[in-house]
Amino acid sequence: MRKFYLHTYDKARSYDLNSKYGLAAEPKGLGNKFSLSYKESDKGKHLTNVKADFEPIQLAIYFNADGTNGYANYKALVSFLAECGTSRFLFEYNDGITDKFCEVVTSDMPKTEINEDGVFVETFTFERQTYWYENIEESFSLQRTKAQDTRFPLHFPFGFAGMVFKSKYKVTNPFFIDAPVTIKITGDIAKNIQLYLSDLNDKVVAEIALSTNNKSGTEITIDPTAGKITVTDTASGEVRNGYDLTDKTKQSFLYLPKGEYYIGSNMTVDDDGEIAISIKRYLFD
């Protein structure tokens, strides 16, 4: 059975569209559509560009399956959408095989009368902004760890003890769209922070350079999907814009192209901090 959920972008709040208080049915726009561009010449028509052209996602939502008139249930959903505002939020779709997400904005939330059969149903429309991506993103950290907490190849010496330092990690993107790489920096890192993507021959293809190191109690987040770089004081909760920390001659955000690459940093074995990496895994369905 298909199930649908809405989440705020940070997943702090969710709305269940599978209950008697709001039951989603008759979905449309869950597939993929592309816009094709051609150039005409004496030799015929040639394809020049293909880009995503997502259809709106539409759901008929039944609000009074709980036996009430449904208006309180309608208000609960609209209040959730008001919290999301005009920013992107998450649409979750589980078809019984894959649990997947895309990012949407609300474009239509109508309100009419209960119909002659006593049913309160409205068709809500959400404009899709991204391809679907998997619930589980690939996540890992560049940091110093205890050996017993680190995975090694099978041939690695049995019984190894001590500390292990990982400053780069091999990653793969099988999808044809560049995958956004979200970065979270915490803890003590002595040098001004540099992060990079390189090919398997160690040729750097993209790089972020920050004009700061990091101290315990400060968290730097670089989120390409939201288009934001933030610096958070974890004690006070104060958040400020960190975009000015980036070297404008390099990249502000990292995107993983199709293929195999290394992602790494200039951290050293003496650093106690951590750089946590999360990569979205896009898919068609």
Protein backbone atom coordinates (compact mmCIF):
# COMPACT_ATOMS: atom_id res chain seq x y z
CA MET A 1 0.00 0.00 0.00
CA ARG A 2 1.33 3.44 -0.92
CA LYS A 3 2.06 5.80 1.95
CA PHE A 4 2.70 9.54 1.93
CA TYR A 5 4.22 11.88 4.53
CA LEU A 6 5.24 15.53 4.63
CA HIS A 7 8.22 16.76 6.65
CA THR A 8 9.74 20.13 7.40
CA TYR A 9 13.11 20.45 5.67
CA ASP A 10 15.01 19.66 8.89
CA LYS A 11 12.57 16.79 9.67
CA ALA A 12 11.74 18.43 13.00
CA ARG A 13 8.00 18.07 12.27
CA SER A 14 5.99 15.69 10.10
CA TYR A 15 2.45 15.28 8.84
CA ASP A 16 1.03 11.79 8.26
CA LEU A 17 -1.20 11.56 5.17
CA ASN A 18 -2.24 7.96 5.87
CA SER A 19 -4.64 8.39 8.79
CA LYS A 20 -8.34 9.00 9.24
CA TYR A 21 -7.52 12.64 9.99
CA GLY A 22 -6.02 13.19 6.54
CA LEU A 23 -6.01 10.33 4.03
CA ALA A 24 -4.18 10.84 0.72
CA ALA A 25 -5.40 9.03 -2.40
CA GLU A 26 -5.45 9.27 -6.20
CA PRO A 27 -1.84 10.50 -6.57
CA LYS A 28 -0.58 12.11 -9.76
CA GLY A 29 2.86 13.34 -10.81
CA LEU A 30 4.99 10.71 -9.08
CA GLY A 31 6.96 9.81 -12.21
CA ASN A 32 9.57 11.68 -14.22
CA LYS A 33 9.25 13.99 -17.21
CA PHE A 34 11.90 15.71 -19.33
CA SER A 35 11.99 18.78 -21.52
CA LEU A 36 13.95 18.25 -24.76
CA SER A 37 15.59 21.00 -26.79
CA TYR A 38 16.53 20.60 -30.46
CA LYS A 39 18.47 22.56 -33.05
CA GLU A 40 17.34 22.49 -36.63
CA SER A 41 19.92 22.32 -39.41
CA ASP A 42 20.16 21.30 -43.05
CA LYS A 43 21.05 17.82 -41.86
CA GLY A 44 17.94 17.50 -39.68
CA LYS A 45 16.96 17.96 -36.06
CA HIS A 46 19.62 17.46 -33.38
CA LEU A 47 19.04 17.04 -29.66
CA THR A 48 20.91 19.80 -27.78
CA ASN A 49 19.63 19.62 -24.20
CA VAL A 50 17.61 17.43 -21.85
CA LYS A 51 16.44 18.74 -18.50
CA ALA A 52 14.01 17.64 -15.82
CA ASP A 53 10.51 19.07 -16.17
CA PHE A 54 8.68 17.55 -13.21
CA GLU A 55 4.92 17.42 -13.23
CA PRO A 56 3.20 18.75 -10.09
CA ILE A 57 2.39 16.14 -7.44
CA GLN A 58 -1.33 16.08 -6.73
CA LEU A 59 -3.08 14.26 -3.88
CA ALA A 60 -6.78 14.02 -3.12
CA ILE A 61 -6.86 14.33 0.68
CA TYR A 62 -9.91 13.09 2.61
CA PHE A 63 -10.35 15.01 5.86
CA ASN A 64 -13.40 13.49 7.55
CA ALA A 65 -12.73 9.75 7.55
CA ASP A 66 -12.72 10.06 11.37
CA GLY A 67 -16.46 10.83 11.40
CA THR A 68 -16.11 14.57 12.12
CA ASN A 69 -16.87 17.37 9.68
CA GLY A 70 -13.13 17.44 8.91
CA TYR A 71 -12.50 21.17 9.26
CA ALA A 72 -10.22 20.80 12.27
CA ASN A 73 -8.20 18.19 10.34
CA TYR A 74 -7.97 20.51 7.34
CA LYS A 75 -6.73 23.31 9.59
CA ALA A 76 -4.05 21.02 11.07
CA LEU A 77 -2.60 20.30 7.61
CA VAL A 78 -2.77 23.94 6.54
CA SER A 79 -1.03 24.97 9.78
CA PHE A 80 1.77 22.51 9.02
CA LEU A 81 2.12 23.93 5.50
CA ALA A 82 2.12 27.47 6.90
CA GLU A 83 5.13 26.51 9.02
CA CYS A 84 6.91 25.35 5.83
CA GLY A 85 5.95 28.65 4.19
CA THR A 86 7.28 29.26 0.69
CA SER A 87 10.48 27.29 1.33
CA ARG A 88 11.19 23.76 0.21
CA PHE A 89 10.05 20.89 2.40
CA LEU A 90 10.15 17.11 2.09
CA PHE A 91 7.61 14.85 0.41
CA GLU A 92 8.04 11.20 1.37
CA TYR A 93 6.59 8.41 -0.78
CA ASN A 94 6.76 4.72 0.09
CA ASP A 95 5.43 2.41 -2.61
CA GLY A 96 6.10 -0.74 -0.57
CA ILE A 97 9.42 -1.29 -2.32
CA THR A 98 11.42 1.92 -1.91
CA ASP A 99 11.09 4.67 0.67
CA LYS A 100 12.06 7.87 -1.10
CA PHE A 101 11.96 11.65 -0.78
CA CYS A 102 11.82 14.69 -3.00
CA GLU A 103 11.70 18.38 -2.19
CA VAL A 104 8.54 20.33 -2.92
CA VAL A 105 6.78 23.65 -2.39
CA THR A 106 3.02 24.06 -2.03
CA SER A 107 1.28 25.57 -5.04
CA ASP A 108 -2.43 24.92 -4.36
CA MET A 109 -4.41 24.14 -1.19
CA PRO A 110 -8.06 24.67 -2.07
CA LYS A 111 -10.99 24.71 0.33
CA THR A 112 -14.56 24.03 -0.78
CA GLU A 113 -17.71 22.60 0.81
CA ILE A 114 -18.39 19.08 1.99
CA ASN A 115 -19.95 17.32 -1.00
CA GLU A 116 -23.47 15.93 -1.23
CA ASP A 117 -22.25 12.52 -0.05
CA GLY A 118 -20.89 14.08 3.15
CA VAL A 119 -17.25 13.74 2.07
CA PHE A 120 -14.71 16.51 2.68
CA VAL A 121 -11.98 16.02 0.07
CA GLU A 122 -9.60 18.54 -1.49
CA THR A 123 -6.89 18.10 -4.14
CA PHE A 124 -3.62 19.62 -2.93
CA THR A 125 -0.81 20.38 -5.37
CA PHE A 126 2.93 20.40 -4.65
CA GLU A 127 5.52 21.61 -7.14
CA ARG A 128 8.39 19.14 -7.22
CA GLN A 129 11.90 20.62 -7.10
CA THR A 130 14.19 17.58 -7.20
CA TYR A 131 14.56 14.01 -8.35
CA TRP A 132 13.62 11.35 -5.85
CA TYR A 133 16.38 10.35 -3.50
CA GLU A 134 16.81 7.50 -1.07
CA ASN A 135 15.87 7.70 2.58
CA ILE A 136 19.35 6.57 3.59
CA GLU A 137 22.05 8.94 2.37
CA GLU A 138 25.66 7.80 2.29
CA SER A 139 27.26 9.26 5.40
CA PHE A 140 30.78 9.06 6.79
CA SER A 141 33.27 11.16 8.72
CA LEU A 142 36.81 12.39 8.21
CA GLN A 143 38.32 12.08 11.67
CA ARG A 144 40.58 10.21 14.04
CA THR A 145 38.88 7.10 15.44
CA LYS A 146 39.65 4.14 17.64
CA ALA A 147 40.77 1.13 15.64
CA GLN A 148 37.98 -1.07 16.98
CA ASP A 149 35.43 1.41 15.59
CA THR A 150 36.97 1.47 12.10
CA ARG A 151 36.13 -0.95 9.29
CA PHE A 152 39.16 -2.50 7.56
CA PRO A 153 39.57 -4.74 4.50
CA LEU A 154 39.58 -8.44 5.34
CA HIS A 155 43.34 -8.72 4.82
CA PHE A 156 44.08 -6.05 7.43
CA PRO A 157 46.19 -7.46 10.32
CA PHE A 158 44.01 -9.20 12.87
CA GLY A 159 44.19 -7.71 16.36
CA PHE A 160 45.37 -4.25 15.27
CA ALA A 161 45.07 -1.74 18.12
CA GLY A 162 45.48 2.02 18.43
CA MET A 163 44.12 5.09 16.61
CA VAL A 164 43.26 5.39 12.91
CA PHE A 165 43.17 8.67 10.98
CA LYS A 166 41.04 9.00 7.86
CA SER A 167 41.52 12.21 5.86
CA LYS A 168 39.93 11.06 2.59
CA TYR A 169 37.22 8.65 1.52
CA LYS A 170 36.35 7.00 -1.79
CA VAL A 171 32.82 7.79 -3.01
CA THR A 172 30.74 6.82 -6.05
CA ASN A 173 27.81 8.53 -7.75
CA PRO A 174 26.02 6.17 -10.21
CA PHE A 175 23.36 8.75 -11.17
CA PHE A 176 23.77 11.14 -14.10
CA ILE A 177 23.02 14.22 -11.97
CA ASP A 178 25.68 15.68 -9.66
CA ALA A 179 24.90 14.72 -6.06
CA PRO A 180 24.96 17.49 -3.42
CA VAL A 181 27.45 16.93 -0.61
CA THR A 182 26.39 18.24 2.82
CA ILE A 183 29.26 18.94 5.23
CA LYS A 184 29.11 19.41 9.01
CA ILE A 185 32.29 20.47 10.85
CA THR A 186 32.56 20.09 14.62
CA GLY A 187 35.27 19.96 17.27
CA ASP A 188 38.85 21.23 17.33
CA ILE A 189 40.58 21.55 13.95
CA ALA A 190 43.79 23.60 14.04
CA LYS A 191 44.28 24.77 10.45
CA ASN A 192 42.00 26.80 8.22
CA ILE A 193 39.72 24.14 6.76
CA GLN A 194 40.04 22.87 3.21
CA LEU A 195 37.87 20.21 1.59
CA TYR A 196 38.22 18.75 -1.88
CA LEU A 197 36.97 16.30 -4.48
CA SER A 198 39.64 14.55 -6.54
CA ASP A 199 39.63 11.88 -9.21
CA LEU A 200 41.27 8.50 -8.59
CA ASN A 201 44.59 9.95 -9.81
CA ASP A 202 44.36 12.58 -7.03
CA LYS A 203 43.67 15.44 -9.45
CA VAL A 204 41.51 17.97 -7.58
CA VAL A 205 38.25 18.72 -9.45
CA ALA A 206 36.51 20.88 -6.81
CA GLU A 207 37.60 22.54 -3.58
CA ILE A 208 36.24 24.55 -0.65
CA ALA A 209 38.63 26.70 1.37
CA LEU A 210 37.45 28.39 4.59
CA SER A 211 39.24 31.32 6.20
CA THR A 212 38.82 29.75 9.64
CA ASN A 213 39.73 26.74 11.71
CA ASN A 214 37.21 25.32 14.17
CA LYS A 215 36.86 25.12 17.95
CA SER A 216 34.83 22.83 20.15
CA GLY A 217 31.38 24.37 20.64
CA THR A 218 31.19 25.70 17.09
CA GLU A 219 29.45 23.84 14.24
CA ILE A 220 29.87 24.84 10.59
CA THR A 221 27.31 23.43 8.14
CA ILE A 222 27.69 23.66 4.36
CA ASP A 223 24.41 22.63 2.73
CA PRO A 224 24.24 22.92 -1.09
CA THR A 225 20.59 21.87 -1.30
CA ALA A 226 19.51 24.74 0.94
CA GLY A 227 22.23 26.97 -0.54
CA LYS A 228 23.38 27.95 2.96
CA ILE A 229 26.58 28.02 5.00
CA THR A 230 25.87 28.48 8.70
CA VAL A 231 27.98 28.78 11.84
CA THR A 232 26.24 27.70 15.05
CA ASP A 233 27.29 28.33 18.65
CA THR A 234 26.14 25.05 20.17
CA ALA A 235 25.93 26.49 23.70
CA SER A 236 23.67 29.46 22.89
CA GLY A 237 22.07 28.11 19.71
CA GLU A 238 22.97 31.34 17.91
CA VAL A 239 23.27 30.86 14.14
CA ARG A 240 25.03 33.23 11.75
CA ASN A 241 25.71 33.29 8.02
CA GLY A 242 29.09 31.74 7.20
CA TYR A 243 29.19 32.47 3.48
CA ASP A 244 31.89 35.12 3.94
CA LEU A 245 34.25 32.43 5.24
CA THR A 246 34.60 30.86 1.79
CA ASP A 247 37.39 31.60 -0.68
CA LYS A 248 35.48 33.04 -3.66
CA THR A 249 38.16 31.82 -6.09
CA LYS A 250 37.07 28.27 -5.26
CA GLN A 251 33.71 26.56 -4.78
CA SER A 252 31.23 27.42 -2.02
CA PHE A 253 29.54 24.02 -2.20
CA LEU A 254 30.58 20.54 -3.31
CA TYR A 255 28.66 18.37 -5.79
CA LEU A 256 29.74 14.82 -6.59
CA PRO A 257 29.79 14.16 -10.37
CA LYS A 258 28.91 10.80 -11.84
CA GLY A 259 31.71 8.30 -11.30
CA GLU A 260 34.27 7.47 -8.61
CA TYR A 261 36.13 10.14 -6.64
CA TYR A 262 37.90 10.83 -3.38
CA ILE A 263 36.55 13.38 -0.93
CA GLY A 264 39.04 14.64 1.61
CA SER A 265 40.31 17.44 3.81
CA ASN A 266 43.50 18.94 5.21
CA MET A 267 42.82 17.65 8.73
CA THR A 268 45.81 16.11 10.48
CA VAL A 269 46.18 13.26 12.93
CA ASP A 270 46.49 15.82 15.75
CA ASP A 271 43.01 17.23 15.17
CA ASP A 272 40.27 16.06 17.55
CA GLY A 273 37.45 17.45 15.40
CA GLU A 274 35.21 15.76 12.87
CA ILE A 275 34.03 16.56 9.35
CA ALA A 276 30.80 14.64 8.74
CA ILE A 277 29.84 14.12 5.09
CA SER A 278 26.40 13.20 3.72
CA ILE A 279 25.72 12.56 0.01
CA LYS A 280 22.23 12.33 -1.47
CA ARG A 281 21.54 9.25 -3.59
CA TYR A 282 19.26 10.30 -6.43
CA LEU A 283 17.11 7.77 -8.28
CA PHE A 284 14.26 7.70 -10.80
CA ASP A 285 11.91 5.62 -8.63
